[in-house]
Amino acid sequence: MSLEFAIKGRAGTLSVEASGKLPDNGVTVLFGPSGTGKSTLLRMLAGLHACEGMIRFDDEAWQDEPAKTVLPVWQRPLGMLLQHPTLFHHLSVRGNIQYVQKRRGKGVNLEAIIEETRIGHLLDRAVHKLSGGEAQRVALARALVGNPELLLLDEPLSAVDLPHRESLLAMIQRVAQKVPVLYVTHSLDELLLLADQVWLMDQGRLTAQGPVTTALVSLTGPLAQRSDASSMLSGVCGSFDEADHLQTVLVDGAAFMVPLAQAKPEGALVRLRIAARDVSLCRVQPMQSSILNIHPVTVQEVTPTGAGQHLVKLALHSQTLLARLSSRSVRELNIMVGESLFAQVKAAALV
């Protein structure tokens, strides 16, 4: 199930023009500043905002300019969730769910969806009595009950409190194993947790499309230029030190010690977030250091970022680390591309 498009349209004074192909599954995060056309692009793909061009899903034309084909939104097998949910206010929560279930919810495990979105206690409540976060959870449940072949999510959890948000993000990850998800967010935390692919948008144009690990460490890209720039490593959980609450995570064989309250199952696949500001470099491996994670790396790229700072891109086996250093440190260490150094990682966190 793949979505392919080449479309253009307008939102007020903003011209939106984009083309791309969504992977068959996984989460693609659409990321960029406010007002750059992200929500408009989603609405165009859903058929809720007029546009010109081509939209195809599998072998079906949702929009075909030469043939003047425009498939109505209600005939497109998608689920869409907006930042401000559009629930039926004349129906209860149960009525909203049942409305979709009767039309498109054959074979759906309704009880499981209600349990995972934690809306069981809300079923008989009137929509106008829901909080913003509750309304977003109900809207997500309703979208999933429709058994969608594609999910378009526009900041769907912005009003949801943290405990509920974490469980819902995990749920979206599981759904994405079966159907493609296009997810709009301003949150780097959500991007790091969810994204398999990233589409970067600026001034109505898609400026980059590719794997999240590549986008994060592109030194000229917007993600690496952020003050909270981070790299993401894929690893496998090893042993857990109960005395010190340290989880071993193996990244291509390199062991990282990560503080954790409770052990992760051995063999579990995880992601490590490492902020560029938490990585320092040295030429000789320290023999005694309070820093637990020290690994040999190879310098791949060095670039100035202004204000007396440089970004350094580092190879850690087959994966990539990012370090933000002072320009003086880069100069005094005489850091050059191709050199072997040691990276000291002050902090690493599971995402």
Protein backbone atom coordinates (compact mmCIF):
# COMPACT_ATOMS: atom_id res chain seq x y z
CA MET A 1 0.00 0.00 0.00
CA SER A 2 1.88 3.05 -1.20
CA LEU A 3 0.87 6.67 -1.72
CA GLU A 4 2.43 8.61 -4.58
CA PHE A 5 1.70 12.22 -5.44
CA ALA A 6 2.76 15.34 -7.31
CA ILE A 7 0.44 18.21 -6.39
CA LYS A 8 0.26 21.97 -5.97
CA GLY A 9 -2.19 24.40 -4.47
CA ARG A 10 -2.51 27.48 -2.31
CA ALA A 11 -3.29 28.27 1.30
CA GLY A 12 -3.85 32.00 1.49
CA THR A 13 -0.65 33.61 0.25
CA LEU A 14 1.38 30.40 0.59
CA SER A 15 2.04 28.31 -2.51
CA VAL A 16 2.29 24.61 -1.67
CA GLU A 17 3.94 22.32 -4.21
CA ALA A 18 5.18 18.85 -3.32
CA SER A 19 5.85 15.42 -4.75
CA GLY A 20 6.81 12.20 -3.04
CA LYS A 21 6.14 8.54 -2.38
CA LEU A 22 5.18 7.22 1.03
CA PRO A 23 6.73 3.87 2.03
CA ASP A 24 4.40 0.85 2.22
CA ASN A 25 4.55 0.91 6.02
CA GLY A 26 6.24 2.68 8.89
CA VAL A 27 5.95 6.25 10.12
CA THR A 28 6.97 9.15 7.91
CA VAL A 29 7.18 12.37 9.94
CA LEU A 30 6.41 15.65 8.17
CA PHE A 31 8.49 18.21 10.05
CA GLY A 32 9.01 21.94 9.74
CA PRO A 33 8.22 25.37 11.20
CA SER A 34 4.65 26.59 11.66
CA GLY A 35 3.04 28.08 8.58
CA THR A 36 5.08 26.12 6.04
CA GLY A 37 2.16 24.16 4.58
CA LYS A 38 2.33 20.84 6.42
CA SER A 39 -1.35 20.74 7.38
CA THR A 40 -2.36 21.98 3.94
CA LEU A 41 -0.40 19.16 2.29
CA LEU A 42 -2.18 16.58 4.46
CA ARG A 43 -5.57 18.07 3.61
CA MET A 44 -4.72 18.02 -0.09
CA LEU A 45 -3.82 14.33 0.09
CA ALA A 46 -7.06 13.58 1.93
CA GLY A 47 -9.19 15.48 -0.59
CA LEU A 48 -10.15 18.20 1.89
CA HIS A 49 -8.25 21.04 0.19
CA ALA A 50 -8.38 21.77 -3.54
CA CYS A 51 -5.19 21.13 -5.48
CA GLU A 52 -3.90 20.31 -8.95
CA GLY A 53 -1.88 17.29 -9.97
CA MET A 54 -1.78 13.54 -9.34
CA ILE A 55 -2.47 11.41 -6.26
CA ARG A 56 -2.37 7.61 -6.48
CA PHE A 57 -2.81 5.00 -3.76
CA ASP A 58 -1.72 1.54 -4.88
CA ASP A 59 -3.28 1.19 -8.33
CA GLU A 60 -6.16 3.58 -7.68
CA ALA A 61 -6.18 7.19 -8.88
CA TRP A 62 -7.43 9.48 -6.12
CA GLN A 63 -6.77 12.45 -8.33
CA ASP A 64 -5.77 12.47 -11.98
CA GLU A 65 -5.49 15.87 -13.63
CA PRO A 66 -5.64 14.77 -17.31
CA ALA A 67 -8.62 12.48 -16.71
CA LYS A 68 -10.30 15.04 -14.42
CA THR A 69 -10.64 12.33 -11.76
CA VAL A 70 -11.13 13.38 -8.14
CA LEU A 71 -12.13 10.60 -5.75
CA PRO A 72 -14.35 11.95 -2.94
CA VAL A 73 -12.73 11.91 0.49
CA TRP A 74 -15.29 9.44 1.86
CA GLN A 75 -14.23 6.91 -0.80
CA ARG A 76 -10.54 7.10 0.08
CA PRO A 77 -9.54 4.27 2.47
CA LEU A 78 -7.78 6.52 4.93
CA GLY A 79 -8.07 7.68 8.49
CA MET A 80 -7.31 11.31 9.26
CA LEU A 81 -6.87 13.01 12.59
CA LEU A 82 -6.51 16.77 12.86
CA GLN A 83 -5.01 18.80 15.68
CA HIS A 84 -8.54 19.98 16.50
CA PRO A 85 -10.69 16.81 16.24
CA THR A 86 -13.85 16.97 14.14
CA LEU A 87 -16.20 14.75 16.14
CA PHE A 88 -19.97 14.65 15.70
CA HIS A 89 -21.28 16.82 18.54
CA HIS A 90 -24.83 15.50 18.27
CA LEU A 91 -23.56 11.99 19.11
CA SER A 92 -21.97 10.59 22.25
CA VAL A 93 -18.47 9.13 22.16
CA ARG A 94 -20.03 5.70 21.65
CA GLY A 95 -22.16 7.08 18.82
CA ASN A 96 -19.09 8.52 17.09
CA ILE A 97 -17.33 5.17 17.26
CA GLN A 98 -20.37 3.18 16.11
CA TYR A 99 -21.00 5.54 13.19
CA VAL A 100 -17.65 4.63 11.66
CA GLN A 101 -17.78 0.98 12.71
CA LYS A 102 -21.05 0.38 10.84
CA ARG A 103 -19.66 1.82 7.63
CA ARG A 104 -16.03 0.74 7.53
CA GLY A 105 -15.17 -1.23 10.65
CA LYS A 106 -15.72 -4.85 9.60
CA GLY A 107 -13.28 -7.22 11.26
CA VAL A 108 -11.89 -4.57 13.60
CA ASN A 109 -11.17 -5.50 17.22
CA LEU A 110 -13.21 -2.69 18.75
CA GLU A 111 -12.55 -3.68 22.35
CA ALA A 112 -8.78 -3.63 21.82
CA ILE A 113 -8.88 -0.15 20.26
CA ILE A 114 -11.04 1.20 23.09
CA GLU A 115 -8.68 -0.29 25.66
CA GLU A 116 -5.49 0.97 23.99
CA THR A 117 -6.81 4.50 23.55
CA ARG A 118 -8.20 4.38 27.12
CA ILE A 119 -11.61 5.77 26.28
CA GLY A 120 -13.81 3.07 27.87
CA HIS A 121 -14.94 5.39 30.66
CA LEU A 122 -15.81 8.08 28.09
CA LEU A 123 -18.16 6.06 25.86
CA ASP A 124 -21.39 7.52 27.23
CA ARG A 125 -20.07 11.06 27.55
CA ALA A 126 -21.25 13.91 25.33
CA VAL A 127 -18.57 15.18 22.96
CA HIS A 128 -18.83 18.77 24.20
CA LYS A 129 -17.90 17.59 27.70
CA LEU A 130 -14.57 16.11 26.58
CA SER A 131 -11.27 17.82 27.33
CA GLY A 132 -8.94 18.56 24.43
CA GLY A 133 -6.82 15.50 25.15
CA GLU A 134 -9.85 13.23 25.57
CA ALA A 135 -11.27 14.44 22.25
CA GLN A 136 -7.98 13.63 20.51
CA ARG A 137 -7.97 10.12 21.98
CA VAL A 138 -11.57 9.54 20.85
CA ALA A 139 -10.75 10.86 17.38
CA LEU A 140 -7.77 8.49 17.12
CA ALA A 141 -9.94 5.55 18.19
CA ARG A 142 -12.57 6.51 15.63
CA ALA A 143 -9.95 6.72 12.87
CA LEU A 144 -8.60 3.26 13.73
CA VAL A 145 -12.08 1.71 13.93
CA GLY A 146 -12.49 2.69 10.27
CA ASN A 147 -9.87 0.06 9.37
CA PRO A 148 -7.79 2.55 7.33
CA GLU A 149 -5.21 1.56 4.74
CA LEU A 150 -3.44 4.89 5.31
CA LEU A 151 -3.25 7.20 8.34
CA LEU A 152 -2.79 10.97 8.03
CA LEU A 153 -2.16 12.46 11.47
CA ASP A 154 -1.78 16.21 12.02
CA GLU A 155 -0.33 16.81 15.50
CA PRO A 156 -2.85 14.29 16.80
CA LEU A 157 -1.66 14.21 20.41
CA SER A 158 -0.82 17.87 21.06
CA ALA A 159 -3.41 18.14 23.86
CA VAL A 160 -2.89 14.66 25.35
CA ASP A 161 -1.09 14.43 28.70
CA LEU A 162 2.29 12.69 28.84
CA PRO A 163 1.28 9.26 30.28
CA HIS A 164 -1.48 8.83 27.68
CA ARG A 165 0.69 10.26 24.90
CA GLU A 166 3.44 7.70 25.42
CA SER A 167 1.04 4.76 25.19
CA LEU A 168 -0.69 6.23 22.12
CA LEU A 169 2.61 6.83 20.36
CA ALA A 170 3.51 3.18 20.99
CA MET A 171 0.12 2.21 19.55
CA ILE A 172 0.73 4.30 16.42
CA GLN A 173 4.09 2.54 16.01
CA ARG A 174 2.36 -0.83 16.07
CA VAL A 175 -0.30 0.28 13.57
CA ALA A 176 2.48 1.54 11.28
CA GLN A 177 3.87 -1.98 10.98
CA LYS A 178 0.83 -2.76 8.81
CA VAL A 179 -0.20 0.54 7.20
CA PRO A 180 1.71 3.68 6.20
CA VAL A 181 1.44 6.67 8.53
CA LEU A 182 2.15 10.30 7.63
CA TYR A 183 2.56 12.20 10.90
CA VAL A 184 2.87 15.97 11.32
CA THR A 185 4.62 17.22 14.45
CA HIS A 186 6.68 20.12 15.78
CA SER A 187 8.16 17.91 18.50
CA LEU A 188 11.68 16.59 18.03
CA ASP A 189 10.94 14.05 20.79
CA GLU A 190 8.04 12.63 18.77
CA LEU A 191 10.16 12.62 15.61
CA LEU A 192 12.92 10.65 17.34
CA LEU A 193 10.49 8.16 18.84
CA LEU A 194 8.30 7.57 15.80
CA ALA A 195 10.03 8.39 12.55
CA ASP A 196 11.34 5.82 10.13
CA GLN A 197 11.43 8.44 7.37
CA VAL A 198 11.44 12.24 7.59
CA TRP A 199 10.04 14.78 5.15
CA LEU A 200 11.29 18.29 5.88
CA MET A 201 9.05 21.14 4.72
CA ASP A 202 9.81 24.83 4.37
CA GLN A 203 7.85 27.60 2.63
CA GLY A 204 5.46 25.16 0.97
CA ARG A 205 8.13 22.83 -0.44
CA LEU A 206 9.51 19.46 0.63
CA THR A 207 13.21 20.23 1.02
CA ALA A 208 14.41 16.75 2.01
CA GLN A 209 13.06 13.21 2.15
CA GLY A 210 14.87 10.22 3.61
CA PRO A 211 15.67 8.01 6.61
CA VAL A 212 15.47 9.74 9.97
CA THR A 213 19.03 8.73 10.88
CA THR A 214 20.34 10.48 7.76
CA ALA A 215 18.26 13.64 8.22
CA LEU A 216 19.40 14.09 11.83
CA VAL A 217 23.10 14.18 10.97
CA SER A 218 23.02 16.14 7.72
CA LEU A 219 25.25 19.01 8.85
CA THR A 220 23.67 21.56 6.52
CA GLY A 221 20.11 20.43 7.29
CA PRO A 222 17.72 22.12 9.70
CA LEU A 223 17.72 19.31 12.28
CA ALA A 224 21.48 19.45 12.84
CA GLN A 225 21.36 23.24 13.09
CA ARG A 226 18.97 23.15 16.06
CA SER A 227 20.28 23.83 19.56
CA ASP A 228 18.94 20.39 20.58
CA ALA A 229 20.49 18.59 17.59
CA SER A 230 20.81 14.88 18.27
CA SER A 231 21.88 11.67 16.62
CA MET A 232 19.96 8.43 16.93
CA LEU A 233 21.55 5.01 17.21
CA SER A 234 19.82 1.66 16.77
CA GLY A 235 20.76 -0.93 19.35
CA VAL A 236 19.92 -4.19 21.08
CA CYS A 237 19.39 -4.47 24.82
CA GLY A 238 21.88 -6.58 26.72
CA SER A 239 22.25 -7.14 30.45
CA PHE A 240 20.89 -4.88 33.20
CA ASP A 241 22.90 -3.86 36.26
CA GLU A 242 20.31 -3.85 39.05
CA ALA A 243 22.65 -2.29 41.60
CA ASP A 244 23.43 0.77 39.48
CA HIS A 245 20.29 0.73 37.30
CA LEU A 246 22.32 0.68 34.10
CA GLN A 247 20.99 -0.92 30.93
CA THR A 248 23.56 -2.20 28.45
CA VAL A 249 22.67 -1.37 24.85
CA LEU A 250 24.81 -2.87 22.10
CA VAL A 251 25.26 -0.61 19.08
CA ASP A 252 27.03 -2.62 16.40
CA GLY A 253 28.83 -4.38 19.25
CA ALA A 254 29.78 -1.19 21.10
CA ALA A 255 28.35 -1.29 24.63
CA PHE A 256 26.54 1.80 25.90
CA MET A 257 25.52 2.10 29.56
CA VAL A 258 22.15 3.86 29.84
CA PRO A 259 20.55 4.85 33.19
CA LEU A 260 17.15 3.19 33.48
CA ALA A 261 14.74 2.59 36.33
CA GLN A 262 13.63 -0.84 35.08
CA ALA A 263 15.29 -3.40 32.86
CA LYS A 264 14.38 -3.81 29.22
CA PRO A 265 14.00 -7.38 27.91
CA GLU A 266 17.30 -8.74 26.69
CA GLY A 267 17.35 -8.69 22.90
CA ALA A 268 14.79 -5.86 22.63
CA LEU A 269 15.43 -3.42 19.78
CA VAL A 270 15.73 0.17 20.99
CA ARG A 271 16.73 3.64 19.85
CA LEU A 272 19.31 5.77 21.64
CA ARG A 273 19.15 9.55 21.50
CA ILE A 274 22.45 11.32 21.98
CA ALA A 275 22.49 15.11 22.00
CA ALA A 276 25.35 16.63 20.00
CA ARG A 277 26.20 18.89 22.94
CA ASP A 278 26.78 15.78 25.11
CA VAL A 279 29.57 14.41 22.90
CA SER A 280 33.20 15.48 23.37
CA LEU A 281 36.31 14.24 21.56
CA CYS A 282 39.83 13.32 22.63
CA ARG A 283 42.88 11.92 20.87
CA VAL A 284 43.83 9.43 23.60
CA GLN A 285 41.40 7.16 25.41
CA PRO A 286 41.07 8.35 29.03
CA MET A 287 42.17 5.71 31.52
CA GLN A 288 40.08 7.12 34.37
CA SER A 289 36.92 9.09 33.68
CA SER A 290 33.48 9.63 35.18
CA ILE A 291 32.07 9.26 31.67
CA LEU A 292 30.95 5.66 31.15
CA ASN A 293 30.54 5.65 27.38
CA ILE A 294 33.81 6.19 25.50
CA HIS A 295 34.13 4.73 22.01
CA PRO A 296 36.55 4.94 19.07
CA VAL A 297 35.14 6.92 16.14
CA THR A 298 36.25 8.22 12.76
CA VAL A 299 35.76 11.84 11.68
CA GLN A 300 33.57 12.05 8.58
CA GLU A 301 32.83 15.76 8.29
CA VAL A 302 33.56 19.03 10.09
CA THR A 303 31.64 22.26 9.49
CA PRO A 304 31.36 25.63 11.27
CA THR A 305 27.91 26.65 12.47
CA GLY A 306 28.67 30.21 13.57
CA ALA A 307 28.86 31.72 17.07
CA GLY A 308 32.19 29.99 17.73
CA GLN A 309 30.91 26.44 17.24
CA HIS A 310 31.52 23.53 14.88
CA LEU A 311 29.55 20.37 14.15
CA VAL A 312 31.51 17.15 13.73
CA LYS A 313 30.04 14.08 12.07
CA LEU A 314 31.50 10.81 13.36
CA ALA A 315 31.33 7.20 12.22
CA LEU A 316 30.67 4.71 15.02
CA HIS A 317 30.95 1.42 13.17
CA SER A 318 28.08 1.56 10.64
CA GLN A 319 26.19 4.32 12.49
CA THR A 320 26.69 8.05 12.92
CA LEU A 321 27.25 10.33 15.92
CA LEU A 322 27.04 14.10 15.97
CA ALA A 323 29.22 16.30 18.19
CA ARG A 324 28.92 20.05 18.78
CA LEU A 325 32.27 21.51 19.82
CA SER A 326 33.68 24.96 20.32
CA SER A 327 35.64 26.25 17.36
CA ARG A 328 38.64 26.62 19.68
CA SER A 329 38.50 22.91 20.57
CA VAL A 330 38.36 21.94 16.91
CA ARG A 331 41.33 24.20 16.17
CA GLU A 332 43.45 23.14 19.16
CA LEU A 333 42.82 19.43 18.56
CA ASN A 334 43.36 20.05 14.84
CA ILE A 335 40.44 17.75 14.03
CA MET A 336 40.63 16.54 10.43
CA VAL A 337 38.39 14.34 8.27
CA GLY A 338 39.50 10.70 8.32
CA GLU A 339 41.13 10.82 11.74
CA SER A 340 40.49 8.26 14.46
CA LEU A 341 39.46 9.77 17.79
CA PHE A 342 37.61 8.81 20.94
CA ALA A 343 34.08 10.07 21.56
CA GLN A 344 33.04 10.65 25.15
CA VAL A 345 29.26 10.46 25.45
CA LYS A 346 28.16 12.25 28.59
CA ALA A 347 24.49 11.21 28.34
CA ALA A 348 22.40 8.81 26.29
CA ALA A 349 18.69 8.13 26.57
CA LEU A 350 16.28 5.56 25.24
CA VAL A 351 13.48 6.98 23.11
